[in-house]
Amino acid sequence: MQSPNRIKLAHSGTDSTDVKHIQDLPPEIFQHCLDFVGKGNFAFVAPVSKQFYWEYINLGVDRTVYDADTVLEQGRNKRTTAEVVSNGSLRLATECFLKAPKEFKEEVCRRAAVKGRVDILDCGVALGVDMKSIFDMDYFNDEGREAIVQTLENGHLEVIEFLSKEDVDFNCSSFFHHVTEKGHARDLHWMMAKGIIEREREDMAADLASNGELDVLKEYYSYTDCITQDTFWACANGGNLEVMNWMLQIRDCEWDEELFASAARSGSIPMLELCVQNGCHHSLYVSLHAVQTDKLKALNSLQWLHSYGFPTIVDIVDNICNDLTRYGNLEALRWARESGFDWDLESFERTVSNGNMNIDTLQYCLENGCPSGPFLYKYTKKWKEDEVLQIFKWLYQQGVPWDEDISLKEAELGHLSTLKWLLDHGCICHDIIFYKSVRRLDMSMLEIYLANVEVLERDIYIDVIQGMDDGMYPDREDATVIQIFQLFRDYDSDWDEDLIATAENMGRTKVARWLKCNGCPS
């Protein structure tokens, strides 16, 4: 009699009659697969080979046969490997969900959502994958939130509906703001109509006005009184004149400073002109908002304000770095410099310290006479390590000096490539780097330290052993200390003749035994 655990999966997604096979499934997993039978994804057949055979996966290269073991064992990059699975069949996804670690499953689900693969998400749910934790709209879950935004951009609303039924909560103000910024207020309105999210009516109207969704806004207004002064501000911020003119027929607008500032942020010249025509007054506040926007918009607003005779922020505070450079508005910065606006060291240091300025803007500033100093090395937390190293090399070539503690900062951030480069170029190798590496059990950092000190003090061995009593190494204490000592010996570090006695007195018999076996004097 044939075992019911013999399964054959039909080749999905094509008209081909070719059929591939899956190995026998263990009993505890088989019940999960039964859930898919009614959905047409699985069928019972005669016994099959234990050899895995999977359908072909087209990744824009030669069609290749993948099995789960090959994907999981040979995949060098989690994201690239997850891309293979999310592009593939339910069979491959099923086996990977059964075998893969939690982080890999999460990446597969995010990529499946972006591609609209509800079938793979459904497979994950059946095999115990928690969609709620993967797509939680929490402020710190950037990967999950970005995946949902990309899903909306790709038009896969069916994924949103599926995840909502799996108790994924999309009610998060930062998510609403992010989606609106990306131009998907219409999708938020759809989610609200479906009961997936709850929003204040004024907030929903403001998002629609900001995105220029006039038809949806009209429909929304037909059953709720949602047009307020906030809606006018949002519309001005979006720069949509058609929406503004329609709302002006609905109710009166207050032509105030906030409205003018919102128009300045939009970079829309027609919106700025409409504000002036209706009595809006310019102020420092308006100019501040003109530079607090992205590149071309800032340039448009600044040029218009300047040509119209309004003083801009750079006229008022007599420098431009404090505002334009902090937002990385290189185009607007070039225009301001060519128009004769000046900068100074104090404003530039404040700008760099906020960490928002990009490398291109920093390079432009230094190449065009902006004062520099050691502070330029300090504020790179928001940059990737390869970017940090690139700008450090450039600053070094420009002769910009660094402070002695710059190596400590890079060690604290874990930028090992940058740390090594700094030490190779004469930056001080602080002893604190040693203690940081030991506390973190970061042998790569420790090796960098050892390669840059001429003599390792003998007392440092004692410090390492004493660190055991201080709780410095919470796990595998003896093995950790021995690993550190071995690295010391690799760099020909001398050890103290009292070291064995110290280890024995502290009850570290394994360490003492290793010291004796490796030639430590006693």
Protein backbone atom coordinates (compact mmCIF):
# COMPACT_ATOMS: atom_id res chain seq x y z
CA MET A 1 0.00 0.00 0.00
CA GLN A 2 1.27 3.42 -0.90
CA SER A 3 2.16 5.70 1.99
CA PRO A 4 0.02 8.90 2.10
CA ASN A 5 3.25 10.72 2.82
CA ARG A 6 4.24 10.46 -0.81
CA ILE A 7 3.63 13.84 -2.38
CA LYS A 8 4.13 15.23 -5.81
CA LEU A 9 3.84 18.97 -6.46
CA ALA A 10 2.59 20.06 -9.84
CA HIS A 11 4.76 22.53 -11.74
CA SER A 12 3.18 25.85 -10.74
CA GLY A 13 2.92 29.06 -12.70
CA THR A 14 3.34 27.60 -16.21
CA ASP A 15 1.37 25.54 -18.72
CA SER A 16 4.01 22.82 -18.67
CA THR A 17 2.89 19.30 -17.83
CA ASP A 18 6.33 18.54 -16.45
CA VAL A 19 6.07 17.43 -12.83
CA LYS A 20 8.76 17.60 -10.19
CA HIS A 21 9.02 15.70 -6.93
CA ILE A 22 9.67 16.25 -3.26
CA GLN A 23 11.12 13.82 -0.77
CA ASP A 24 9.02 11.97 1.78
CA LEU A 25 7.90 14.39 4.47
CA PRO A 26 8.00 13.55 8.18
CA PRO A 27 4.55 12.92 9.73
CA GLU A 28 4.57 16.09 11.86
CA ILE A 29 5.14 18.21 8.75
CA PHE A 30 2.78 16.33 6.47
CA GLN A 31 -0.37 17.73 8.12
CA HIS A 32 0.76 21.26 7.28
CA CYS A 33 1.03 20.26 3.63
CA LEU A 34 -2.51 18.85 3.67
CA ASP A 35 -3.77 22.39 4.18
CA PHE A 36 -2.59 23.21 0.68
CA VAL A 37 -4.30 20.29 -1.06
CA GLY A 38 -7.61 22.10 -1.29
CA LYS A 39 -5.87 25.09 -2.85
CA GLY A 40 -4.56 23.05 -5.76
CA ASN A 41 -0.95 23.24 -4.75
CA PHE A 42 -0.38 19.61 -3.78
CA ALA A 43 -1.51 16.21 -5.07
CA PHE A 44 -1.00 12.64 -3.89
CA VAL A 45 0.95 10.28 -6.13
CA ALA A 46 2.92 7.07 -6.08
CA PRO A 47 6.21 6.71 -4.20
CA VAL A 48 8.92 9.07 -5.38
CA SER A 49 12.67 9.24 -5.08
CA LYS A 50 14.24 10.79 -2.01
CA GLN A 51 16.29 12.93 -4.37
CA PHE A 52 14.98 16.53 -4.32
CA TYR A 53 13.84 17.86 -7.66
CA TRP A 54 12.45 21.36 -7.89
CA GLU A 55 10.95 23.39 -10.69
CA TYR A 56 13.19 25.74 -12.62
CA ILE A 57 13.63 29.26 -11.25
CA ASN A 58 14.22 32.01 -13.74
CA LEU A 59 16.44 34.79 -12.35
CA GLY A 60 17.27 36.35 -15.70
CA VAL A 61 20.14 33.90 -16.23
CA ASP A 62 20.32 30.28 -17.39
CA ARG A 63 17.50 28.27 -15.84
CA THR A 64 18.90 26.29 -12.96
CA VAL A 65 17.50 23.53 -10.77
CA TYR A 66 17.57 24.45 -7.08
CA ASP A 67 16.85 22.36 -4.03
CA ALA A 68 16.48 23.62 -0.48
CA ASP A 69 19.78 22.22 0.76
CA THR A 70 21.68 23.83 -2.11
CA VAL A 71 20.00 27.18 -1.54
CA LEU A 72 20.55 27.21 2.22
CA GLU A 73 24.06 25.73 2.30
CA GLN A 74 25.60 27.49 -0.69
CA GLY A 75 23.85 30.84 -0.33
CA ARG A 76 26.57 33.25 0.73
CA ASN A 77 24.29 36.25 1.13
CA LYS A 78 21.02 36.05 3.04
CA ARG A 79 19.25 38.61 0.86
CA THR A 80 20.42 37.16 -2.44
CA THR A 81 19.44 33.67 -1.34
CA ALA A 82 16.04 34.91 -0.13
CA GLU A 83 15.55 36.49 -3.54
CA VAL A 84 15.96 33.05 -5.11
CA VAL A 85 13.32 31.54 -2.82
CA SER A 86 10.81 34.39 -3.19
CA ASN A 87 11.08 34.09 -6.98
CA GLY A 88 10.59 30.34 -6.85
CA SER A 89 7.97 27.70 -6.34
CA LEU A 90 5.90 26.79 -3.33
CA ARG A 91 7.89 23.61 -3.09
CA LEU A 92 11.19 25.38 -2.62
CA ALA A 93 9.61 27.88 -0.21
CA THR A 94 8.01 25.10 1.82
CA GLU A 95 11.25 23.19 2.28
CA CYS A 96 13.18 26.36 3.14
CA PHE A 97 10.55 27.40 5.69
CA LEU A 98 11.02 24.00 7.33
CA LYS A 99 14.82 24.12 7.40
CA ALA A 100 15.93 27.75 7.45
CA PRO A 101 16.72 29.91 10.50
CA LYS A 102 14.26 32.58 11.63
CA GLU A 103 16.12 35.52 10.05
CA PHE A 104 16.14 33.85 6.64
CA LYS A 105 12.40 33.10 6.80
CA GLU A 106 11.71 36.76 7.60
CA GLU A 107 13.73 37.94 4.61
CA VAL A 108 11.90 35.51 2.30
CA CYS A 109 8.54 36.82 3.54
CA ARG A 110 9.50 40.46 3.05
CA ARG A 111 10.63 39.78 -0.50
CA ALA A 112 7.58 37.65 -1.23
CA ALA A 113 5.33 40.52 -0.09
CA VAL A 114 7.08 42.98 -2.41
CA LYS A 115 6.52 40.56 -5.32
CA GLY A 116 2.87 39.96 -4.45
CA ARG A 117 3.48 36.29 -3.64
CA VAL A 118 0.55 35.71 -1.32
CA ASP A 119 0.97 31.99 -1.96
CA ILE A 120 4.43 31.97 -0.37
CA LEU A 121 3.21 34.07 2.57
CA ASP A 122 0.28 31.67 3.02
CA CYS A 123 2.75 28.78 2.93
CA GLY A 124 4.79 30.46 5.66
CA VAL A 125 1.73 30.94 7.87
CA ALA A 126 0.79 27.27 7.48
CA LEU A 127 4.29 26.30 8.57
CA GLY A 128 4.22 28.50 11.67
CA VAL A 129 5.89 31.72 10.46
CA ASP A 130 4.63 34.73 12.44
CA MET A 131 3.75 37.49 9.94
CA LYS A 132 2.89 39.92 12.72
CA SER A 133 6.46 40.06 14.01
CA ILE A 134 7.92 40.37 10.51
CA PHE A 135 5.71 43.22 9.31
CA ASP A 136 5.08 45.03 12.58
CA MET A 137 4.89 48.76 11.83
CA ASP A 138 6.90 49.59 14.93
CA TYR A 139 9.22 52.58 14.54
CA PHE A 140 12.32 50.38 14.87
CA ASN A 141 11.18 47.81 12.30
CA ASP A 142 12.53 49.67 9.28
CA GLU A 143 12.87 46.55 7.10
CA GLY A 144 9.27 45.48 7.59
CA ARG A 145 7.90 48.96 7.02
CA GLU A 146 9.98 49.50 3.88
CA ALA A 147 8.81 46.14 2.50
CA ILE A 148 5.18 47.21 2.93
CA VAL A 149 5.84 50.55 1.21
CA GLN A 150 7.46 48.74 -1.72
CA THR A 151 4.50 46.36 -1.78
CA LEU A 152 2.18 49.35 -2.13
CA GLU A 153 4.40 50.86 -4.82
CA ASN A 154 4.10 47.60 -6.76
CA GLY A 155 0.30 47.67 -6.40
CA HIS A 156 -0.03 44.45 -4.41
CA LEU A 157 -2.98 45.43 -2.23
CA GLU A 158 -3.94 41.76 -1.96
CA VAL A 159 -0.82 41.28 0.17
CA ILE A 160 -1.91 44.07 2.53
CA GLU A 161 -5.34 42.47 2.89
CA PHE A 162 -3.80 39.06 3.55
CA LEU A 163 -1.42 40.39 6.21
CA SER A 164 -4.26 42.29 7.88
CA LYS A 165 -6.14 39.00 8.27
CA GLU A 166 -2.99 37.63 9.93
CA ASP A 167 -3.29 40.37 12.59
CA VAL A 168 -0.53 42.63 11.25
CA ASP A 169 -1.28 46.07 12.71
CA PHE A 170 -0.74 48.91 10.23
CA ASN A 171 -1.95 51.62 12.61
CA CYS A 172 1.24 53.60 13.11
CA SER A 173 1.65 57.34 12.56
CA SER A 174 5.23 57.01 11.30
CA PHE A 175 4.03 54.43 8.75
CA PHE A 176 1.24 56.77 7.58
CA HIS A 177 3.74 59.59 7.21
CA HIS A 178 6.21 57.39 5.33
CA VAL A 179 3.55 56.08 2.93
CA THR A 180 2.26 59.60 2.25
CA GLU A 181 5.79 60.85 1.63
CA LYS A 182 6.15 58.12 -0.99
CA GLY A 183 2.94 59.29 -2.71
CA HIS A 184 0.58 56.50 -1.66
CA ALA A 185 -2.16 58.36 0.22
CA ARG A 186 -4.70 56.76 -2.15
CA ASP A 187 -3.66 53.35 -0.80
CA LEU A 188 -4.08 54.58 2.78
CA HIS A 189 -7.61 55.65 1.85
CA TRP A 190 -8.27 52.16 0.47
CA MET A 191 -6.90 50.60 3.66
CA MET A 192 -9.13 52.87 5.72
CA ALA A 193 -12.20 51.95 3.63
CA LYS A 194 -11.39 48.25 4.11
CA GLY A 195 -11.13 48.70 7.87
CA ILE A 196 -7.44 47.76 7.84
CA ILE A 197 -6.41 51.06 9.46
CA GLU A 198 -8.12 53.73 11.54
CA ARG A 199 -7.38 57.40 10.94
CA GLU A 200 -8.75 60.78 11.91
CA ARG A 201 -10.69 62.17 8.95
CA GLU A 202 -8.69 65.41 8.92
CA ASP A 203 -5.40 63.48 8.76
CA MET A 204 -6.64 61.36 5.87
CA ALA A 205 -7.80 64.45 3.98
CA ALA A 206 -4.44 66.15 4.56
CA ASP A 207 -2.57 63.15 3.14
CA LEU A 208 -4.79 63.06 0.06
CA ALA A 209 -4.37 66.80 -0.51
CA SER A 210 -0.60 66.59 -0.07
CA ASN A 211 -0.40 63.81 -2.69
CA GLY A 212 -2.69 65.62 -5.14
CA GLU A 213 -5.35 62.87 -5.05
CA LEU A 214 -8.21 65.16 -6.06
CA ASP A 215 -10.71 62.48 -7.18
CA VAL A 216 -10.28 60.46 -3.99
CA LEU A 217 -10.46 63.63 -1.88
CA LYS A 218 -13.73 64.63 -3.57
CA GLU A 219 -15.17 61.18 -2.88
CA TYR A 220 -14.00 61.34 0.72
CA TYR A 221 -15.48 64.83 1.19
CA SER A 222 -18.82 63.63 -0.19
CA TYR A 223 -19.50 61.68 3.01
CA THR A 224 -17.43 63.51 5.63
CA ASP A 225 -16.64 67.16 6.33
CA CYS A 226 -12.87 66.83 6.28
CA ILE A 227 -11.48 70.09 4.83
CA THR A 228 -9.72 72.19 7.49
CA GLN A 229 -6.85 74.67 7.62
CA ASP A 230 -4.52 71.70 8.11
CA THR A 231 -5.71 70.39 4.74
CA PHE A 232 -4.72 73.68 3.09
CA TRP A 233 -1.27 73.51 4.71
CA ALA A 234 -0.81 69.94 3.49
CA CYS A 235 -1.95 70.89 0.00
CA ALA A 236 0.51 73.80 -0.13
CA ASN A 237 3.24 71.46 1.05
CA GLY A 238 2.41 69.11 -1.84
CA GLY A 239 2.35 72.01 -4.30
CA ASN A 240 -0.84 70.88 -6.08
CA LEU A 241 -2.62 73.95 -7.44
CA GLU A 242 -5.62 72.01 -8.81
CA VAL A 243 -6.45 70.59 -5.39
CA MET A 244 -5.95 74.01 -3.77
CA ASN A 245 -8.35 75.71 -6.20
CA TRP A 246 -11.00 73.05 -5.58
CA MET A 247 -10.71 73.38 -1.79
CA LEU A 248 -10.98 77.17 -2.03
CA GLN A 249 -14.45 76.62 -3.48
CA ILE A 250 -15.39 74.56 -0.42
CA ARG A 251 -14.29 76.87 2.38
CA ASP A 252 -12.20 79.93 3.17
CA CYS A 253 -8.46 79.63 3.70
CA GLU A 254 -6.31 81.59 6.14
CA TRP A 255 -3.36 82.92 4.13
CA ASP A 256 -0.96 82.77 7.03
CA GLU A 257 2.76 82.30 7.60
CA GLU A 258 2.44 78.52 7.95
CA LEU A 259 0.76 78.27 4.54
CA PHE A 260 3.51 80.34 2.89
CA ALA A 261 6.19 78.22 4.57
CA SER A 262 4.46 75.04 3.35
CA ALA A 263 4.44 76.42 -0.19
CA ALA A 264 8.16 77.21 0.13
CA ARG A 265 8.80 73.59 1.11
CA SER A 266 6.97 72.40 -2.00
CA GLY A 267 9.23 74.30 -4.39
CA SER A 268 6.11 75.06 -6.47
CA ILE A 269 6.38 78.54 -7.99
CA PRO A 270 2.62 78.74 -8.85
CA MET A 271 1.78 77.89 -5.22
CA LEU A 272 4.19 80.54 -3.93
CA GLU A 273 2.70 83.11 -6.30
CA LEU A 274 -0.83 82.21 -5.17
CA CYS A 275 0.20 82.82 -1.57
CA VAL A 276 1.61 86.27 -2.38
CA GLN A 277 -1.47 87.19 -4.40
CA ASN A 278 -3.66 86.42 -1.39
CA GLY A 279 -1.65 88.45 1.09
CA CYS A 280 0.85 86.01 2.61
CA HIS A 281 3.75 87.82 4.28
CA HIS A 282 7.36 86.68 4.08
CA SER A 283 9.40 86.00 7.21
CA LEU A 284 12.52 84.25 8.40
CA TYR A 285 10.30 81.24 9.13
CA VAL A 286 9.38 80.95 5.45
CA SER A 287 13.02 81.03 4.34
CA LEU A 288 13.94 78.39 6.89
CA HIS A 289 11.34 76.07 5.40
CA ALA A 290 12.55 76.83 1.89
CA VAL A 291 15.87 75.12 2.61
CA GLN A 292 14.36 72.27 4.64
CA THR A 293 13.33 70.29 1.60
CA ASP A 294 14.94 68.17 -1.05
CA LYS A 295 17.38 69.44 -3.62
CA LEU A 296 15.50 70.87 -6.60
CA LYS A 297 12.60 72.14 -4.48
CA ALA A 298 14.97 74.09 -2.24
CA LEU A 299 16.69 75.62 -5.25
CA ASN A 300 13.37 76.64 -6.84
CA SER A 301 12.08 78.26 -3.64
CA LEU A 302 15.32 80.09 -2.84
CA GLN A 303 15.69 81.46 -6.35
CA TRP A 304 12.07 82.61 -6.43
CA LEU A 305 12.22 84.27 -3.00
CA HIS A 306 15.48 85.98 -3.95
CA SER A 307 14.25 87.20 -7.33
CA TYR A 308 10.95 88.39 -5.87
CA GLY A 309 12.85 90.65 -3.49
CA PHE A 310 12.19 88.72 -0.30
CA PRO A 311 15.24 88.31 1.95
CA THR A 312 16.33 84.69 2.18
CA ILE A 313 17.76 82.95 5.20
CA VAL A 314 21.29 83.48 3.96
CA ASP A 315 20.74 87.24 3.79
CA ILE A 316 19.46 87.32 7.35
CA VAL A 317 22.03 85.17 9.16
CA ASP A 318 24.91 85.93 6.75
CA ASN A 319 25.80 82.28 6.17
CA ILE A 320 24.35 79.33 4.31
CA CYS A 321 26.08 76.24 5.73
CA ASN A 322 23.92 76.12 8.83
CA ASP A 323 20.83 75.28 6.79
CA LEU A 324 21.44 74.20 3.22
CA THR A 325 24.34 71.83 3.91
CA ARG A 326 22.56 70.07 6.76
CA TYR A 327 19.97 68.81 4.27
CA GLY A 328 22.52 67.90 1.62
CA ASN A 329 21.05 70.35 -0.90
CA LEU A 330 24.07 70.55 -3.14
CA GLU A 331 22.32 72.24 -6.06
CA ALA A 332 20.91 74.98 -3.84
CA LEU A 333 24.27 75.33 -2.12
CA ARG A 334 26.06 75.86 -5.44
CA TRP A 335 23.55 78.54 -6.42
CA ALA A 336 23.95 80.30 -3.07
CA ARG A 337 27.75 80.29 -3.32
CA GLU A 338 27.63 81.60 -6.88
CA SER A 339 25.29 84.34 -5.64
CA GLY A 340 27.89 85.49 -3.13
CA PHE A 341 26.56 84.08 0.14
CA ASP A 342 29.21 83.24 2.73
CA TRP A 343 29.88 80.62 5.38
CA ASP A 344 31.94 80.38 8.55
CA LEU A 345 33.58 77.73 10.71
CA GLU A 346 31.04 77.85 13.54
CA SER A 347 28.04 77.28 11.29
CA PHE A 348 29.82 74.55 9.34
CA GLU A 349 30.73 72.67 12.53
CA ARG A 350 27.12 72.82 13.69
CA THR A 351 26.06 71.49 10.32
CA VAL A 352 28.44 68.54 10.29
CA SER A 353 27.59 67.67 13.90
CA ASN A 354 23.97 66.83 13.04
CA GLY A 355 25.19 63.98 10.85
CA ASN A 356 22.75 64.53 7.99
CA MET A 357 25.08 66.01 5.40
CA ASN A 358 26.14 63.73 2.57
CA ILE A 359 29.66 63.19 1.28
CA ASP A 360 29.20 65.10 -1.97
CA THR A 361 28.08 68.20 -0.08
CA LEU A 362 30.96 67.94 2.39
CA GLN A 363 33.46 67.61 -0.43
CA TYR A 364 31.98 70.59 -2.25
CA CYS A 365 32.21 72.73 0.89
CA LEU A 366 35.86 71.94 1.51
CA GLU A 367 36.84 72.40 -2.13
CA ASN A 368 35.18 75.81 -2.18
CA GLY A 369 36.80 77.48 0.79
CA CYS A 370 34.73 76.39 3.75
CA PRO A 371 36.86 76.34 6.95
CA SER A 372 37.76 72.87 8.19
CA GLY A 373 39.16 71.21 11.30
CA PRO A 374 39.42 67.95 13.27
CA PHE A 375 35.67 68.08 13.97
CA LEU A 376 35.06 66.79 10.44
CA TYR A 377 36.22 63.31 11.52
CA LYS A 378 33.85 63.09 14.46
CA TYR A 379 30.34 63.17 13.08
CA THR A 380 29.99 60.14 10.83
CA LYS A 381 27.67 57.86 12.81
CA LYS A 382 24.94 57.96 10.15
CA TRP A 383 27.32 57.01 7.34
CA LYS A 384 28.19 53.48 6.29
CA GLU A 385 31.72 52.35 7.07
CA ASP A 386 32.83 52.37 3.44
CA GLU A 387 31.60 55.97 3.19
CA VAL A 388 33.42 56.88 6.41
CA LEU A 389 36.67 55.40 5.15
CA GLN A 390 36.28 57.15 1.81
CA ILE A 391 35.80 60.58 3.39
CA PHE A 392 38.61 59.98 5.94
CA LYS A 393 41.01 59.23 3.12
CA TRP A 394 39.89 62.34 1.28
CA LEU A 395 40.24 64.54 4.38
CA TYR A 396 43.69 63.07 5.01
CA GLN A 397 44.75 63.89 1.45
CA GLN A 398 43.51 67.45 1.98
CA GLY A 399 45.72 67.76 5.05
CA VAL A 400 42.84 68.04 7.53
CA PRO A 401 44.26 67.01 10.96
CA TRP A 402 42.49 64.60 13.31
CA ASP A 403 42.19 64.49 17.08
CA GLU A 404 43.99 61.77 19.03
CA ASP A 405 40.71 60.16 20.07
CA ILE A 406 39.41 59.51 16.55
CA SER A 407 40.64 55.89 16.71
CA LEU A 408 38.61 55.39 19.89
CA LYS A 409 35.46 56.61 18.16
CA GLU A 410 35.91 54.23 15.23
CA ALA A 411 36.62 51.34 17.62
CA GLU A 412 33.44 52.15 19.52
CA LEU A 413 31.47 52.09 16.25
CA GLY A 414 33.08 48.80 15.25
CA HIS A 415 34.52 50.28 12.04
CA LEU A 416 37.48 47.91 11.85
CA SER A 417 38.60 48.79 8.31
CA THR A 418 38.63 52.48 9.20
CA LEU A 419 40.37 51.78 12.53
CA LYS A 420 43.10 49.79 10.80
CA TRP A 421 43.57 52.53 8.19
CA LEU A 422 43.84 55.22 10.89
CA LEU A 423 46.44 53.27 12.86
CA ASP A 424 48.38 52.47 9.69
CA HIS A 425 48.56 56.22 9.03
CA GLY A 426 49.91 57.28 12.39
CA CYS A 427 46.83 57.71 14.55
CA ILE A 428 47.44 56.84 18.21
CA CYS A 429 46.68 53.25 19.22
CA HIS A 430 45.05 53.71 22.63
CA ASP A 431 45.09 50.94 25.24
CA ILE A 432 41.35 51.45 25.58
CA ILE A 433 41.01 49.77 22.18
CA PHE A 434 42.49 46.64 23.74
CA TYR A 435 39.96 46.60 26.57
CA LYS A 436 37.08 47.27 24.17
CA SER A 437 38.11 44.35 21.99
CA VAL A 438 38.48 42.00 24.96
CA ARG A 439 35.14 42.97 26.50
CA ARG A 440 33.42 42.45 23.15
CA LEU A 441 35.44 39.28 22.45
CA ASP A 442 36.25 40.92 19.12
CA MET A 443 39.39 39.07 18.05
CA SER A 444 39.66 41.02 14.79
CA MET A 445 39.86 44.30 16.69
CA LEU A 446 42.29 42.77 19.18
CA GLU A 447 44.53 41.64 16.33
CA ILE A 448 44.51 45.17 14.88
CA TYR A 449 45.55 46.51 18.29
CA LEU A 450 48.35 43.97 18.71
CA ALA A 451 49.71 44.73 15.25
CA ASN A 452 50.07 48.40 16.20
CA VAL A 453 51.76 48.27 19.60
CA GLU A 454 55.51 47.81 19.83
CA VAL A 455 55.56 46.18 23.26
CA LEU A 456 52.69 44.52 25.07
CA GLU A 457 52.97 45.17 28.80
CA ARG A 458 53.33 42.00 30.86
CA ASP A 459 50.66 43.16 33.28
CA ILE A 460 48.12 42.91 30.49
CA TYR A 461 48.04 39.11 30.91
CA ILE A 462 47.10 39.59 34.55
CA ASP A 463 44.42 42.10 33.53
CA VAL A 464 42.86 39.52 31.22
CA ILE A 465 42.72 36.85 33.95
CA GLN A 466 41.33 39.32 36.48
CA GLY A 467 38.67 40.23 33.95
CA MET A 468 37.26 36.75 34.52
CA ASP A 469 36.39 37.63 38.11
CA ASP A 470 34.95 40.96 36.98
CA GLY A 471 32.46 39.20 34.72
CA MET A 472 34.16 40.50 31.59
CA TYR A 473 33.54 37.25 29.70
CA PRO A 474 30.12 35.86 30.64
CA ASP A 475 30.40 32.71 28.53
CA ARG A 476 33.17 30.12 28.18
CA GLU A 477 35.57 32.11 30.36
CA ASP A 478 38.56 29.76 30.30
CA ALA A 479 38.34 29.13 26.56
CA THR A 480 38.05 32.87 25.91
CA VAL A 481 41.14 33.73 27.96
CA ILE A 482 43.14 30.96 26.30
CA GLN A 483 42.08 32.27 22.88
CA ILE A 484 43.26 35.76 23.84
CA PHE A 485 46.56 34.45 25.21
CA GLN A 486 47.18 32.47 22.04
CA LEU A 487 46.75 35.66 20.03
CA PHE A 488 49.25 37.40 22.34
CA ARG A 489 51.78 34.64 21.68
CA ASP A 490 51.22 34.90 17.92
CA TYR A 491 52.54 38.46 18.25
CA ASP A 492 55.55 37.37 20.34
CA SER A 493 54.34 39.09 23.47
CA ASP A 494 56.40 38.36 26.58
CA TRP A 495 54.57 36.91 29.54
CA ASP A 496 55.17 37.33 33.21
CA GLU A 497 56.78 34.52 35.22
CA ASP A 498 54.13 34.98 37.91
CA LEU A 499 51.30 34.36 35.45
CA ILE A 500 50.84 30.63 36.19
CA ALA A 501 50.75 31.27 39.93
CA THR A 502 48.18 34.03 39.44
CA ALA A 503 45.94 31.75 37.38
CA GLU A 504 46.20 28.95 39.97
CA ASN A 505 45.51 31.31 42.88
CA MET A 506 42.36 32.50 41.10
CA GLY A 507 41.23 28.92 40.52
CA ARG A 508 41.72 29.05 36.74
CA THR A 509 43.22 25.58 36.42
CA LYS A 510 42.53 25.19 32.70
CA VAL A 511 44.27 28.47 31.97
CA ALA A 512 47.21 27.51 34.21
CA ARG A 513 47.50 24.13 32.47
CA TRP A 514 47.51 25.79 29.04
CA LEU A 515 50.21 28.24 30.17
CA LYS A 516 52.44 25.39 31.36
CA CYS A 517 51.95 23.44 28.12
CA ASN A 518 52.86 26.47 26.04
CA GLY A 519 56.13 27.35 27.73
CA CYS A 520 55.15 30.03 30.21
CA PRO A 521 57.94 30.41 32.83
CA SER A 522 57.00 29.44 36.36
